[in-house]
């Protein structure tokens, strides 16, 4: 998808998602939306489509890796879950030995992706 198309759609869907899920108890405002070209220090990893940075309160979307509206909406729902979650517990679970695949917050975020159709 093209950058401006992703920007427009992401803004629309993020508004719908935020109205449905509400505001985070851990942030003072809605997350900022950032469209990036490359992931993790300019590595071009097509499997990474987005990430949430709690320090910046920002959802970073790697728009070149987004191939459909469904993927974009699922991605926004997933990353919005991280906005709603405790940043300290995000780190704590990893320190307890969880991996990305066993992390309770990741499992919850992936489960919520099933609700993507509510926002379409």
PDB file of N, CA and C in Angstrom:
ATOM      1  N   UNK A   1       0.848  -1.180   0.000  1.00  0.00           N
ATOM      2  CA  UNK A   1       0.000   0.000   0.000  1.00  0.00           C
ATOM      3  C   UNK A   1       0.889   1.236   0.000  1.00  0.00           C
ATOM      4  N   UNK A   2       0.398   2.299  -0.549  1.00  0.00           N
ATOM      5  CA  UNK A   2       1.157   3.549  -0.600  1.00  0.00           C
ATOM      6  C   UNK A   2       1.068   4.297   0.725  1.00  0.00           C
ATOM      7  N   UNK A   3       2.074   5.097   0.987  1.00  0.00           N
ATOM      8  CA  UNK A   3       2.196   5.791   2.268  1.00  0.00           C
ATOM      9  C   UNK A   3       0.968   6.631   2.601  1.00  0.00           C
ATOM     10  N   UNK A   4       0.505   7.430   1.669  1.00  0.00           N
ATOM     11  CA  UNK A   4      -0.639   8.309   1.962  1.00  0.00           C
ATOM     12  C   UNK A   4      -1.922   7.518   2.173  1.00  0.00           C
ATOM     13  N   UNK A   5      -2.066   6.407   1.478  1.00  0.00           N
ATOM     14  CA  UNK A   5      -3.235   5.554   1.680  1.00  0.00           C
ATOM     15  C   UNK A   5      -3.190   4.937   3.082  1.00  0.00           C
ATOM     16  N   UNK A   6      -2.026   4.449   3.481  1.00  0.00           N
ATOM     17  CA  UNK A   6      -1.874   3.882   4.815  1.00  0.00           C
ATOM     18  C   UNK A   6      -2.117   4.947   5.873  1.00  0.00           C
ATOM     19  N   UNK A   7      -1.569   6.150   5.668  1.00  0.00           N
ATOM     20  CA  UNK A   7      -1.754   7.236   6.639  1.00  0.00           C
ATOM     21  C   UNK A   7      -3.232   7.562   6.822  1.00  0.00           C
ATOM     22  N   UNK A   8      -3.951   7.712   5.735  1.00  0.00           N
ATOM     23  CA  UNK A   8      -5.364   8.062   5.797  1.00  0.00           C
ATOM     24  C   UNK A   8      -6.184   6.956   6.462  1.00  0.00           C
ATOM     25  N   UNK A   9      -5.978   5.726   6.017  1.00  0.00           N
ATOM     26  CA  UNK A   9      -6.720   4.605   6.592  1.00  0.00           C
ATOM     27  C   UNK A   9      -6.366   4.396   8.062  1.00  0.00           C
ATOM     28  N   UNK A  10      -5.088   4.480   8.388  1.00  0.00           N
ATOM     29  CA  UNK A  10      -4.652   4.267   9.769  1.00  0.00           C
ATOM     30  C   UNK A  10      -5.273   5.298  10.703  1.00  0.00           C
ATOM     31  N   UNK A  11      -5.341   6.533  10.281  1.00  0.00           N
ATOM     32  CA  UNK A  11      -5.948   7.579  11.106  1.00  0.00           C
ATOM     33  C   UNK A  11      -7.424   7.291  11.360  1.00  0.00           C
ATOM     34  N   UNK A  12      -8.120   6.892  10.303  1.00  0.00           N
ATOM     35  CA  UNK A  12      -9.545   6.581  10.424  1.00  0.00           C
ATOM     36  C   UNK A  12      -9.761   5.400  11.361  1.00  0.00           C
ATOM     37  N   UNK A  13      -9.010   4.337  11.137  1.00  0.00           N
ATOM     38  CA  UNK A  13      -9.182   3.135  11.958  1.00  0.00           C
ATOM     39  C   UNK A  13      -8.713   3.340  13.390  1.00  0.00           C
ATOM     40  N   UNK A  14      -7.654   4.093  13.581  1.00  0.00           N
ATOM     41  CA  UNK A  14      -7.185   4.345  14.939  1.00  0.00           C
ATOM     42  C   UNK A  14      -8.240   5.104  15.744  1.00  0.00           C
ATOM     43  N   UNK A  15      -8.938   6.012  15.106  1.00  0.00           N
ATOM     44  CA  UNK A  15     -10.013   6.742  15.787  1.00  0.00           C
ATOM     45  C   UNK A  15     -11.121   5.779  16.220  1.00  0.00           C
ATOM     46  N   UNK A  16     -11.523   4.876  15.329  1.00  0.00           N
ATOM     47  CA  UNK A  16     -12.564   3.892  15.656  1.00  0.00           C
ATOM     48  C   UNK A  16     -12.110   2.968  16.788  1.00  0.00           C
ATOM     49  N   UNK A  17     -10.869   2.514  16.696  1.00  0.00           N
ATOM     50  CA  UNK A  17     -10.320   1.600  17.692  1.00  0.00           C
ATOM     51  C   UNK A  17     -10.250   2.276  19.059  1.00  0.00           C
ATOM     52  N   UNK A  18      -9.804   3.524  19.082  1.00  0.00           N
ATOM     53  CA  UNK A  18      -9.688   4.233  20.364  1.00  0.00           C
ATOM     54  C   UNK A  18     -11.058   4.484  20.993  1.00  0.00           C
ATOM     55  N   UNK A  19     -12.067   4.735  20.183  1.00  0.00           N
ATOM     56  CA  UNK A  19     -13.417   4.919  20.724  1.00  0.00           C
ATOM     57  C   UNK A  19     -13.942   3.619  21.321  1.00  0.00           C
ATOM     58  N   UNK A  20     -13.610   2.518  20.713  1.00  0.00           N
ATOM     59  CA  UNK A  20     -14.074   1.218  21.185  1.00  0.00           C
ATOM     60  C   UNK A  20     -13.358   0.797  22.472  1.00  0.00           C
ATOM     61  N   UNK A  21     -12.027   0.907  22.501  1.00  0.00           N
ATOM     62  CA  UNK A  21     -11.246   0.420  23.637  1.00  0.00           C
ATOM     63  C   UNK A  21     -11.011   1.460  24.727  1.00  0.00           C
ATOM     64  N   UNK A  22     -11.131   2.736  24.391  1.00  0.00           N
ATOM     65  CA  UNK A  22     -10.920   3.778  25.386  1.00  0.00           C
ATOM     66  C   UNK A  22      -9.454   4.151  25.553  1.00  0.00           C
ATOM     67  N   UNK A  23      -9.205   4.965  26.570  1.00  0.00           N
ATOM     68  CA  UNK A  23      -7.861   5.483  26.821  1.00  0.00           C
ATOM     69  C   UNK A  23      -7.073   4.577  27.761  1.00  0.00           C
ATOM     70  N   UNK A  24      -5.771   4.643  27.638  1.00  0.00           N
ATOM     71  CA  UNK A  24      -4.869   3.883  28.492  1.00  0.00           C
ATOM     72  C   UNK A  24      -4.786   4.512  29.879  1.00  0.00           C
ATOM     73  N   UNK A  25      -4.625   3.676  30.876  1.00  0.00           N
ATOM     74  CA  UNK A  25      -4.380   4.154  32.242  1.00  0.00           C
ATOM     75  C   UNK A  25      -2.917   4.520  32.438  1.00  0.00           C
ATOM     76  N   UNK A  26      -2.084   4.190  31.451  1.00  0.00           N
ATOM     77  CA  UNK A  26      -0.640   4.356  31.588  1.00  0.00           C
ATOM     78  C   UNK A  26      -0.069   5.485  30.738  1.00  0.00           C
ATOM     79  N   UNK A  27      -0.912   6.136  29.930  1.00  0.00           N
ATOM     80  CA  UNK A  27      -0.468   7.229  29.066  1.00  0.00           C
ATOM     81  C   UNK A  27      -1.409   8.420  29.223  1.00  0.00           C
ATOM     82  N   UNK A  28      -0.886   9.603  28.975  1.00  0.00           N
ATOM     83  CA  UNK A  28      -1.674  10.822  29.154  1.00  0.00           C
ATOM     84  C   UNK A  28      -2.523  11.166  27.929  1.00  0.00           C
ATOM     85  N   UNK A  29      -2.229  10.541  26.793  1.00  0.00           N
ATOM     86  CA  UNK A  29      -2.930  10.878  25.556  1.00  0.00           C
ATOM     87  C   UNK A  29      -3.006   9.651  24.654  1.00  0.00           C
ATOM     88  N   UNK A  30      -3.774   9.783  23.596  1.00  0.00           N
ATOM     89  CA  UNK A  30      -3.815   8.726  22.585  1.00  0.00           C
ATOM     90  C   UNK A  30      -2.431   8.563  21.968  1.00  0.00           C
ATOM     91  N   UNK A  31      -2.130   7.387  21.453  1.00  0.00           N
ATOM     92  CA  UNK A  31      -0.807   7.205  20.851  1.00  0.00           C
ATOM     93  C   UNK A  31      -0.666   7.990  19.556  1.00  0.00           C
ATOM     94  N   UNK A  32       0.530   8.475  19.338  1.00  0.00           N
ATOM     95  CA  UNK A  32       0.887   9.140  18.101  1.00  0.00           C
ATOM     96  C   UNK A  32       1.092   8.061  17.042  1.00  0.00           C
ATOM     97  N   UNK A  33       0.742   8.367  15.805  1.00  0.00           N
ATOM     98  CA  UNK A  33       0.893   7.433  14.704  1.00  0.00           C
ATOM     99  C   UNK A  33       2.055   7.884  13.831  1.00  0.00           C
ATOM    100  N   UNK A  34       3.012   7.001  13.624  1.00  0.00           N
ATOM    101  CA  UNK A  34       4.199   7.308  12.832  1.00  0.00           C
ATOM    102  C   UNK A  34       4.330   6.288  11.714  1.00  0.00           C
ATOM    103  N   UNK A  35       4.554   6.758  10.494  1.00  0.00           N
ATOM    104  CA  UNK A  35       4.784   5.863   9.369  1.00  0.00           C
ATOM    105  C   UNK A  35       6.262   5.851   9.043  1.00  0.00           C
ATOM    106  N   UNK A  36       6.844   4.669   9.094  1.00  0.00           N
ATOM    107  CA  UNK A  36       8.285   4.492   8.899  1.00  0.00           C
ATOM    108  C   UNK A  36       8.531   3.629   7.672  1.00  0.00           C
ATOM    109  N   UNK A  37       9.724   3.775   7.112  1.00  0.00           N
ATOM    110  CA  UNK A  37      10.064   2.977   5.939  1.00  0.00           C
ATOM    111  C   UNK A  37      10.822   1.709   6.297  1.00  0.00           C
ATOM    112  N   UNK A  38      11.696   1.783   7.284  1.00  0.00           N
ATOM    113  CA  UNK A  38      12.537   0.645   7.642  1.00  0.00           C
ATOM    114  C   UNK A  38      12.361   0.273   9.100  1.00  0.00           C
ATOM    115  N   UNK A  39      12.612  -0.977   9.386  1.00  0.00           N
ATOM    116  CA  UNK A  39      12.494  -1.489  10.741  1.00  0.00           C
ATOM    117  C   UNK A  39      13.854  -1.633  11.386  1.00  0.00           C
ATOM    118  N   UNK A  40      13.881  -1.486  12.700  1.00  0.00           N
ATOM    119  CA  UNK A  40      15.059  -1.811  13.503  1.00  0.00           C
ATOM    120  C   UNK A  40      16.394  -1.466  12.858  1.00  0.00           C
ATOM    121  N   UNK A  41      16.730  -0.218  12.842  1.00  0.00           N
ATOM    122  CA  UNK A  41      18.042   0.194  12.349  1.00  0.00           C
ATOM    123  C   UNK A  41      18.253  -0.058  10.875  1.00  0.00           C
ATOM    124  N   UNK A  42      17.246   0.193  10.082  1.00  0.00           N
ATOM    125  CA  UNK A  42      17.296   0.089   8.626  1.00  0.00           C
ATOM    126  C   UNK A  42      17.341  -1.331   8.075  1.00  0.00           C
ATOM    127  N   UNK A  43      17.152  -2.348   8.914  1.00  0.00           N
ATOM    128  CA  UNK A  43      17.008  -3.702   8.370  1.00  0.00           C
ATOM    129  C   UNK A  43      15.675  -3.760   7.664  1.00  0.00           C
ATOM    130  N   UNK A  44      15.639  -4.342   6.513  1.00  0.00           N
ATOM    131  CA  UNK A  44      14.391  -4.426   5.751  1.00  0.00           C
ATOM    132  C   UNK A  44      13.734  -5.784   5.988  1.00  0.00           C
ATOM    133  N   UNK A  45      13.082  -5.911   7.120  1.00  0.00           N
ATOM    134  CA  UNK A  45      12.426  -7.145   7.520  1.00  0.00           C
ATOM    135  C   UNK A  45      10.945  -7.025   7.194  1.00  0.00           C
ATOM    136  N   UNK A  46      10.497  -7.750   6.188  1.00  0.00           N
ATOM    137  CA  UNK A  46       9.109  -7.663   5.720  1.00  0.00           C
ATOM    138  C   UNK A  46       8.100  -8.243   6.707  1.00  0.00           C
ATOM    139  N   UNK A  47       8.573  -9.042   7.659  1.00  0.00           N
ATOM    140  CA  UNK A  47       7.641  -9.656   8.600  1.00  0.00           C
ATOM    141  C   UNK A  47       7.217  -8.692   9.706  1.00  0.00           C
ATOM    142  N   UNK A  48       7.954  -7.612   9.894  1.00  0.00           N
ATOM    143  CA  UNK A  48       7.622  -6.647  10.938  1.00  0.00           C
ATOM    144  C   UNK A  48       6.789  -5.532  10.311  1.00  0.00           C
ATOM    145  N   UNK A  49       5.557  -5.378  10.783  1.00  0.00           N
ATOM    146  CA  UNK A  49       4.674  -4.377  10.199  1.00  0.00           C
ATOM    147  C   UNK A  49       4.445  -3.187  11.118  1.00  0.00           C
ATOM    148  N   UNK A  50       4.692  -3.364  12.436  1.00  0.00           N
ATOM    149  CA  UNK A  50       4.469  -2.252  13.365  1.00  0.00           C
ATOM    150  C   UNK A  50       5.054  -2.591  14.729  1.00  0.00           C
ATOM    151  N   UNK A  51       5.142  -1.562  15.562  1.00  0.00           N
ATOM    152  CA  UNK A  51       5.511  -1.739  16.963  1.00  0.00           C
ATOM    153  C   UNK A  51       4.992  -0.539  17.747  1.00  0.00           C
ATOM    154  N   UNK A  52       4.805  -0.769  19.038  1.00  0.00           N
ATOM    155  CA  UNK A  52       4.382   0.305  19.921  1.00  0.00           C
ATOM    156  C   UNK A  52       5.538   0.661  20.838  1.00  0.00           C
ATOM    157  N   UNK A  53       5.851   1.947  20.931  1.00  0.00           N
ATOM    158  CA  UNK A  53       6.893   2.443  21.833  1.00  0.00           C
ATOM    159  C   UNK A  53       6.205   3.197  22.962  1.00  0.00           C
ATOM    160  N   UNK A  54       6.244   2.640  24.173  1.00  0.00           N
ATOM    161  CA  UNK A  54       5.577   3.282  25.305  1.00  0.00           C
ATOM    162  C   UNK A  54       6.301   4.551  25.742  1.00  0.00           C
ATOM    163  N   UNK A  55       7.607   4.615  25.541  1.00  0.00           N
ATOM    164  CA  UNK A  55       8.367   5.808  25.917  1.00  0.00           C
ATOM    165  C   UNK A  55       7.913   7.014  25.111  1.00  0.00           C
ATOM    166  N   UNK A  56       7.693   6.811  23.820  1.00  0.00           N
ATOM    167  CA  UNK A  56       7.236   7.894  22.937  1.00  0.00           C
ATOM    168  C   UNK A  56       5.718   7.930  22.811  1.00  0.00           C
ATOM    169  N   UNK A  57       5.045   6.928  23.349  1.00  0.00           N
ATOM    170  CA  UNK A  57       3.607   6.756  23.162  1.00  0.00           C
ATOM    171  C   UNK A  57       3.276   6.832  21.671  1.00  0.00           C
ATOM    172  N   UNK A  58       3.904   5.933  20.921  1.00  0.00           N
ATOM    173  CA  UNK A  58       3.839   5.995  19.463  1.00  0.00           C
ATOM    174  C   UNK A  58       3.652   4.606  18.863  1.00  0.00           C
ATOM    175  N   UNK A  59       2.702   4.513  17.941  1.00  0.00           N
ATOM    176  CA  UNK A  59       2.557   3.318  17.123  1.00  0.00           C
ATOM    177  C   UNK A  59       3.314   3.590  15.830  1.00  0.00           C
ATOM    178  N   UNK A  60       4.344   2.817  15.605  1.00  0.00           N
ATOM    179  CA  UNK A  60       5.147   2.960  14.390  1.00  0.00           C
ATOM    180  C   UNK A  60       4.693   1.896  13.400  1.00  0.00           C
ATOM    181  N   UNK A  61       4.240   2.340  12.239  1.00  0.00           N
ATOM    182  CA  UNK A  61       3.789   1.425  11.201  1.00  0.00           C
ATOM    183  C   UNK A  61       4.806   1.442  10.078  1.00  0.00           C
ATOM    184  N   UNK A  62       5.269   0.255   9.707  1.00  0.00           N
ATOM    185  CA  UNK A  62       6.200   0.115   8.590  1.00  0.00           C
ATOM    186  C   UNK A  62       5.361  -0.107   7.340  1.00  0.00           C
ATOM    187  N   UNK A  63       4.926   1.007   6.760  1.00  0.00           N
ATOM    188  CA  UNK A  63       3.884   0.993   5.741  1.00  0.00           C
ATOM    189  C   UNK A  63       4.255   0.188   4.500  1.00  0.00           C
ATOM    190  N   UNK A  64       5.512   0.071   4.193  1.00  0.00           N
ATOM    191  CA  UNK A  64       5.912  -0.715   3.015  1.00  0.00           C
ATOM    192  C   UNK A  64       5.621  -2.205   3.206  1.00  0.00           C
ATOM    193  N   UNK A  65       5.453  -2.627   4.439  1.00  0.00           N
ATOM    194  CA  UNK A  65       5.185  -4.034   4.728  1.00  0.00           C
ATOM    195  C   UNK A  65       3.694  -4.337   4.861  1.00  0.00           C
ATOM    196  N   UNK A  66       2.859  -3.318   4.800  1.00  0.00           N
ATOM    197  CA  UNK A  66       1.406  -3.496   4.892  1.00  0.00           C
ATOM    198  C   UNK A  66       0.879  -3.825   3.498  1.00  0.00           C
ATOM    199  N   UNK A  67       0.178  -4.960   3.387  1.00  0.00           N
ATOM    200  CA  UNK A  67      -0.279  -5.395   2.061  1.00  0.00           C
ATOM    201  C   UNK A  67      -1.791  -5.317   1.868  1.00  0.00           C
ATOM    202  N   UNK A  68      -2.545  -5.098   2.968  1.00  0.00           N
ATOM    203  CA  UNK A  68      -4.000  -5.050   2.834  1.00  0.00           C
ATOM    204  C   UNK A  68      -4.609  -4.226   3.960  1.00  0.00           C
ATOM    205  N   UNK A  69      -5.843  -3.844   3.759  1.00  0.00           N
ATOM    206  CA  UNK A  69      -6.576  -3.121   4.797  1.00  0.00           C
ATOM    207  C   UNK A  69      -6.766  -4.027   6.017  1.00  0.00           C
ATOM    208  N   UNK A  70      -7.076  -5.286   5.791  1.00  0.00           N
ATOM    209  CA  UNK A  70      -7.245  -6.220   6.909  1.00  0.00           C
ATOM    210  C   UNK A  70      -5.969  -6.282   7.758  1.00  0.00           C
ATOM    211  N   UNK A  71      -4.826  -6.398   7.128  1.00  0.00           N
ATOM    212  CA  UNK A  71      -3.564  -6.444   7.864  1.00  0.00           C
ATOM    213  C   UNK A  71      -3.342  -5.152   8.641  1.00  0.00           C
ATOM    214  N   UNK A  72      -3.651  -4.022   8.035  1.00  0.00           N
ATOM    215  CA  UNK A  72      -3.485  -2.732   8.704  1.00  0.00           C
ATOM    216  C   UNK A  72      -4.373  -2.644   9.944  1.00  0.00           C
ATOM    217  N   UNK A  73      -5.629  -3.014   9.820  1.00  0.00           N
ATOM    218  CA  UNK A  73      -6.556  -2.918  10.954  1.00  0.00           C
ATOM    219  C   UNK A  73      -6.148  -3.885  12.064  1.00  0.00           C
ATOM    220  N   UNK A  74      -5.794  -5.111  11.718  1.00  0.00           N
ATOM    221  CA  UNK A  74      -5.329  -6.065  12.723  1.00  0.00           C
ATOM    222  C   UNK A  74      -4.094  -5.532  13.437  1.00  0.00           C
ATOM    223  N   UNK A  75      -3.204  -4.937  12.674  1.00  0.00           N
ATOM    224  CA  UNK A  75      -1.979  -4.375  13.239  1.00  0.00           C
ATOM    225  C   UNK A  75      -2.298  -3.254  14.216  1.00  0.00           C
ATOM    226  N   UNK A  76      -3.202  -2.374  13.845  1.00  0.00           N
ATOM    227  CA  UNK A  76      -3.577  -1.269  14.730  1.00  0.00           C
ATOM    228  C   UNK A  76      -4.252  -1.782  16.000  1.00  0.00           C
ATOM    229  N   UNK A  77      -5.118  -2.766  15.867  1.00  0.00           N
ATOM    230  CA  UNK A  77      -5.767  -3.350  17.042  1.00  0.00           C
ATOM    231  C   UNK A  77      -4.703  -3.953  17.964  1.00  0.00           C
ATOM    232  N   UNK A  78      -3.765  -4.683  17.384  1.00  0.00           N
ATOM    233  CA  UNK A  78      -2.691  -5.323  18.161  1.00  0.00           C
ATOM    234  C   UNK A  78      -1.858  -4.281  18.909  1.00  0.00           C
ATOM    235  N   UNK A  79      -1.381  -3.288  18.187  1.00  0.00           N
ATOM    236  CA  UNK A  79      -0.515  -2.287  18.814  1.00  0.00           C
ATOM    237  C   UNK A  79      -1.283  -1.422  19.808  1.00  0.00           C
ATOM    238  N   UNK A  80      -2.571  -1.211  19.567  1.00  0.00           N
ATOM    239  CA  UNK A  80      -3.375  -0.437  20.521  1.00  0.00           C
ATOM    240  C   UNK A  80      -3.480  -1.182  21.848  1.00  0.00           C
ATOM    241  N   UNK A  81      -3.493  -2.508  21.784  1.00  0.00           N
ATOM    242  CA  UNK A  81      -3.514  -3.282  23.025  1.00  0.00           C
ATOM    243  C   UNK A  81      -2.272  -2.984  23.854  1.00  0.00           C
ATOM    244  N   UNK A  82      -1.127  -2.856  23.189  1.00  0.00           N
ATOM    245  CA  UNK A  82       0.111  -2.542  23.914  1.00  0.00           C
ATOM    246  C   UNK A  82       0.054  -1.141  24.520  1.00  0.00           C
ATOM    247  N   UNK A  83      -0.598  -0.218  23.834  1.00  0.00           N
ATOM    248  CA  UNK A  83      -0.813   1.120  24.384  1.00  0.00           C
ATOM    249  C   UNK A  83      -1.632   1.027  25.676  1.00  0.00           C
ATOM    250  N   UNK A  84      -2.587   0.119  25.726  1.00  0.00           N
ATOM    251  CA  UNK A  84      -3.454  -0.037  26.896  1.00  0.00           C
ATOM    252  C   UNK A  84      -2.766  -0.773  28.047  1.00  0.00           C
ATOM    253  N   UNK A  85      -1.709  -1.497  27.759  1.00  0.00           N
ATOM    254  CA  UNK A  85      -1.059  -2.355  28.747  1.00  0.00           C
ATOM    255  C   UNK A  85       0.037  -1.620  29.525  1.00  0.00           C
ATOM    256  N   UNK A  86       0.359  -2.158  30.684  1.00  0.00           N
ATOM    257  CA  UNK A  86       1.387  -1.588  31.551  1.00  0.00           C
ATOM    258  C   UNK A  86       2.785  -1.779  30.964  1.00  0.00           C
ATOM    259  N   UNK A  87       3.499  -0.684  30.694  1.00  0.00           N
ATOM    260  CA  UNK A  87       4.870  -0.816  30.178  1.00  0.00           C
ATOM    261  C   UNK A  87       5.797  -1.565  31.140  1.00  0.00           C
ATOM    262  N   UNK A  88       5.614  -1.364  32.442  1.00  0.00           N
ATOM    263  CA  UNK A  88       6.492  -2.048  33.399  1.00  0.00           C
ATOM    264  C   UNK A  88       6.236  -3.558  33.406  1.00  0.00           C
ATOM    265  N   UNK A  89       4.968  -3.952  33.264  1.00  0.00           N
ATOM    266  CA  UNK A  89       4.677  -5.381  33.205  1.00  0.00           C
ATOM    267  C   UNK A  89       5.106  -5.987  31.877  1.00  0.00           C
ATOM    268  N   UNK A  90       5.114  -5.194  30.816  1.00  0.00           N
ATOM    269  CA  UNK A  90       5.618  -5.691  29.531  1.00  0.00           C
ATOM    270  C   UNK A  90       7.060  -6.172  29.717  1.00  0.00           C
ATOM    271  N   UNK A  91       7.877  -5.353  30.360  1.00  0.00           N
ATOM    272  CA  UNK A  91       9.281  -5.706  30.613  1.00  0.00           C
ATOM    273  C   UNK A  91       9.386  -6.827  31.646  1.00  0.00           C
ATOM    274  N   UNK A  92       8.565  -6.740  32.664  1.00  0.00           N
ATOM    275  CA  UNK A  92       8.625  -7.724  33.759  1.00  0.00           C
ATOM    276  C   UNK A  92       8.368  -9.146  33.259  1.00  0.00           C
ATOM    277  N   UNK A  93       7.377  -9.309  32.381  1.00  0.00           N
ATOM    278  CA  UNK A  93       7.092 -10.638  31.848  1.00  0.00           C
ATOM    279  C   UNK A  93       8.299 -11.209  31.102  1.00  0.00           C
ATOM    280  N   UNK A  94       9.002 -10.357  30.345  1.00  0.00           N
ATOM    281  CA  UNK A  94      10.206 -10.831  29.660  1.00  0.00           C
ATOM    282  C   UNK A  94      11.281 -11.227  30.666  1.00  0.00           C
ATOM    283  N   UNK A  95      11.432 -10.438  31.719  1.00  0.00           N
ATOM    284  CA  UNK A  95      12.420 -10.761  32.749  1.00  0.00           C
ATOM    285  C   UNK A  95      12.066 -12.055  33.478  1.00  0.00           C
ATOM    286  N   UNK A  96      10.795 -12.405  33.511  1.00  0.00           N
ATOM    287  CA  UNK A  96      10.338 -13.645  34.140  1.00  0.00           C
ATOM    288  C   UNK A  96      10.618 -14.856  33.239  1.00  0.00           C
ATOM    289  N   UNK A  97      11.080 -14.601  32.030  1.00  0.00           N
ATOM    290  CA  UNK A  97      11.437 -15.696  31.136  1.00  0.00           C
ATOM    291  C   UNK A  97      10.515 -15.916  29.958  1.00  0.00           C
ATOM    292  N   UNK A  98       9.490 -15.094  29.827  1.00  0.00           N
ATOM    293  CA  UNK A  98       8.599 -15.242  28.680  1.00  0.00           C
ATOM    294  C   UNK A  98       9.311 -14.832  27.402  1.00  0.00           C
ATOM    295  N   UNK A  99       8.941 -15.483  26.318  1.00  0.00           N
ATOM    296  CA  UNK A  99       9.400 -15.093  24.986  1.00  0.00           C
ATOM    297  C   UNK A  99       8.257 -14.348  24.305  1.00  0.00           C
ATOM    298  N   UNK A 100       8.513 -13.851  23.112  1.00  0.00           N
ATOM    299  CA  UNK A 100       7.459 -13.164  22.371  1.00  0.00           C
ATOM    300  C   UNK A 100       6.233 -14.068  22.234  1.00  0.00           C
ATOM    301  N   UNK A 101       6.454 -15.351  21.980  1.00  0.00           N
ATOM    302  CA  UNK A 101       5.346 -16.281  21.753  1.00  0.00           C
ATOM    303  C   UNK A 101       4.592 -16.671  23.022  1.00  0.00           C
ATOM    304  N   UNK A 102       5.222 -16.514  24.197  1.00  0.00           N
ATOM    305  CA  UNK A 102       4.551 -16.905  25.445  1.00  0.00           C
ATOM    306  C   UNK A 102       4.163 -15.703  26.305  1.00  0.00           C
ATOM    307  N   UNK A 103       4.525 -14.522  25.863  1.00  0.00           N
ATOM    308  CA  UNK A 103       4.262 -13.301  26.633  1.00  0.00           C
ATOM    309  C   UNK A 103       2.746 -13.074  26.725  1.00  0.00           C
ATOM    310  N   UNK A 104       2.189 -12.961  27.931  1.00  0.00           N
ATOM    311  CA  UNK A 104       0.744 -12.771  28.082  1.00  0.00           C
ATOM    312  C   UNK A 104       0.189 -11.558  27.330  1.00  0.00           C
ATOM    313  N   UNK A 105       0.939 -10.478  27.267  1.00  0.00           N
ATOM    314  CA  UNK A 105       0.456  -9.292  26.541  1.00  0.00           C
ATOM    315  C   UNK A 105       0.410  -9.529  25.032  1.00  0.00           C
ATOM    316  N   UNK A 106       1.363 -10.273  24.508  1.00  0.00           N
ATOM    317  CA  UNK A 106       1.346 -10.584  23.075  1.00  0.00           C
ATOM    318  C   UNK A 106       0.195 -11.522  22.748  1.00  0.00           C
ATOM    319  N   UNK A 107      -0.019 -12.503  23.605  1.00  0.00           N
ATOM    320  CA  UNK A 107      -1.127 -13.433  23.397  1.00  0.00           C
ATOM    321  C   UNK A 107      -2.448 -12.678  23.384  1.00  0.00           C
ATOM    322  N   UNK A 108      -2.621 -11.762  24.332  1.00  0.00           N
ATOM    323  CA  UNK A 108      -3.849 -10.945  24.390  1.00  0.00           C
ATOM    324  C   UNK A 108      -3.996 -10.082  23.142  1.00  0.00           C
ATOM    325  N   UNK A 109      -2.904  -9.458  22.712  1.00  0.00           N
ATOM    326  CA  UNK A 109      -2.959  -8.576  21.536  1.00  0.00           C
ATOM    327  C   UNK A 109      -3.326  -9.367  20.282  1.00  0.00           C
ATOM    328  N   UNK A 110      -2.757 -10.562  20.129  1.00  0.00           N
ATOM    329  CA  UNK A 110      -3.110 -11.385  18.971  1.00  0.00           C
ATOM    330  C   UNK A 110      -4.563 -11.836  19.032  1.00  0.00           C
ATOM    331  N   UNK A 111      -5.048 -12.155  20.211  1.00  0.00           N
ATOM    332  CA  UNK A 111      -6.447 -12.555  20.368  1.00  0.00           C
ATOM    333  C   UNK A 111      -7.383 -11.405  19.973  1.00  0.00           C
ATOM    334  N   UNK A 112      -7.037 -10.196  20.363  1.00  0.00           N
ATOM    335  CA  UNK A 112      -7.870  -9.027  20.042  1.00  0.00           C
ATOM    336  C   UNK A 112      -7.913  -8.737  18.543  1.00  0.00           C
ATOM    337  N   UNK A 113      -6.900  -9.166  17.812  1.00  0.00           N
ATOM    338  CA  UNK A 113      -6.900  -8.954  16.359  1.00  0.00           C
ATOM    339  C   UNK A 113      -8.136  -9.551  15.705  1.00  0.00           C
ATOM    340  N   UNK A 114      -8.722 -10.580  16.337  1.00  0.00           N
ATOM    341  CA  UNK A 114      -9.932 -11.193  15.800  1.00  0.00           C
ATOM    342  C   UNK A 114     -11.075 -10.180  15.696  1.00  0.00           C
ATOM    343  N   UNK A 115     -11.005  -9.112  16.460  1.00  0.00           N
ATOM    344  CA  UNK A 115     -12.054  -8.065  16.445  1.00  0.00           C
ATOM    345  C   UNK A 115     -11.879  -7.066  15.316  1.00  0.00           C
ATOM    346  N   UNK A 116     -10.912  -7.268  14.433  1.00  0.00           N
ATOM    347  CA  UNK A 116     -10.630  -6.289  13.389  1.00  0.00           C
ATOM    348  C   UNK A 116     -11.860  -5.931  12.568  1.00  0.00           C
ATOM    349  N   UNK A 117     -12.716  -6.902  12.360  1.00  0.00           N
ATOM    350  CA  UNK A 117     -13.895  -6.697  11.518  1.00  0.00           C
ATOM    351  C   UNK A 117     -14.854  -5.660  12.115  1.00  0.00           C
ATOM    352  N   UNK A 118     -14.827  -5.466  13.433  1.00  0.00           N
ATOM    353  CA  UNK A 118     -15.690  -4.472  14.093  1.00  0.00           C
ATOM    354  C   UNK A 118     -15.368  -3.050  13.624  1.00  0.00           C
ATOM    355  N   UNK A 119     -14.179  -2.852  13.116  1.00  0.00           N
ATOM    356  CA  UNK A 119     -13.728  -1.509  12.762  1.00  0.00           C
ATOM    357  C   UNK A 119     -13.736  -1.272  11.265  1.00  0.00           C
ATOM    358  N   UNK A 120     -14.079  -2.272  10.489  1.00  0.00           N
ATOM    359  CA  UNK A 120     -14.054  -2.159   9.035  1.00  0.00           C
ATOM    360  C   UNK A 120     -15.369  -1.642   8.485  1.00  0.00           C
TER     361      UNK A 120
END
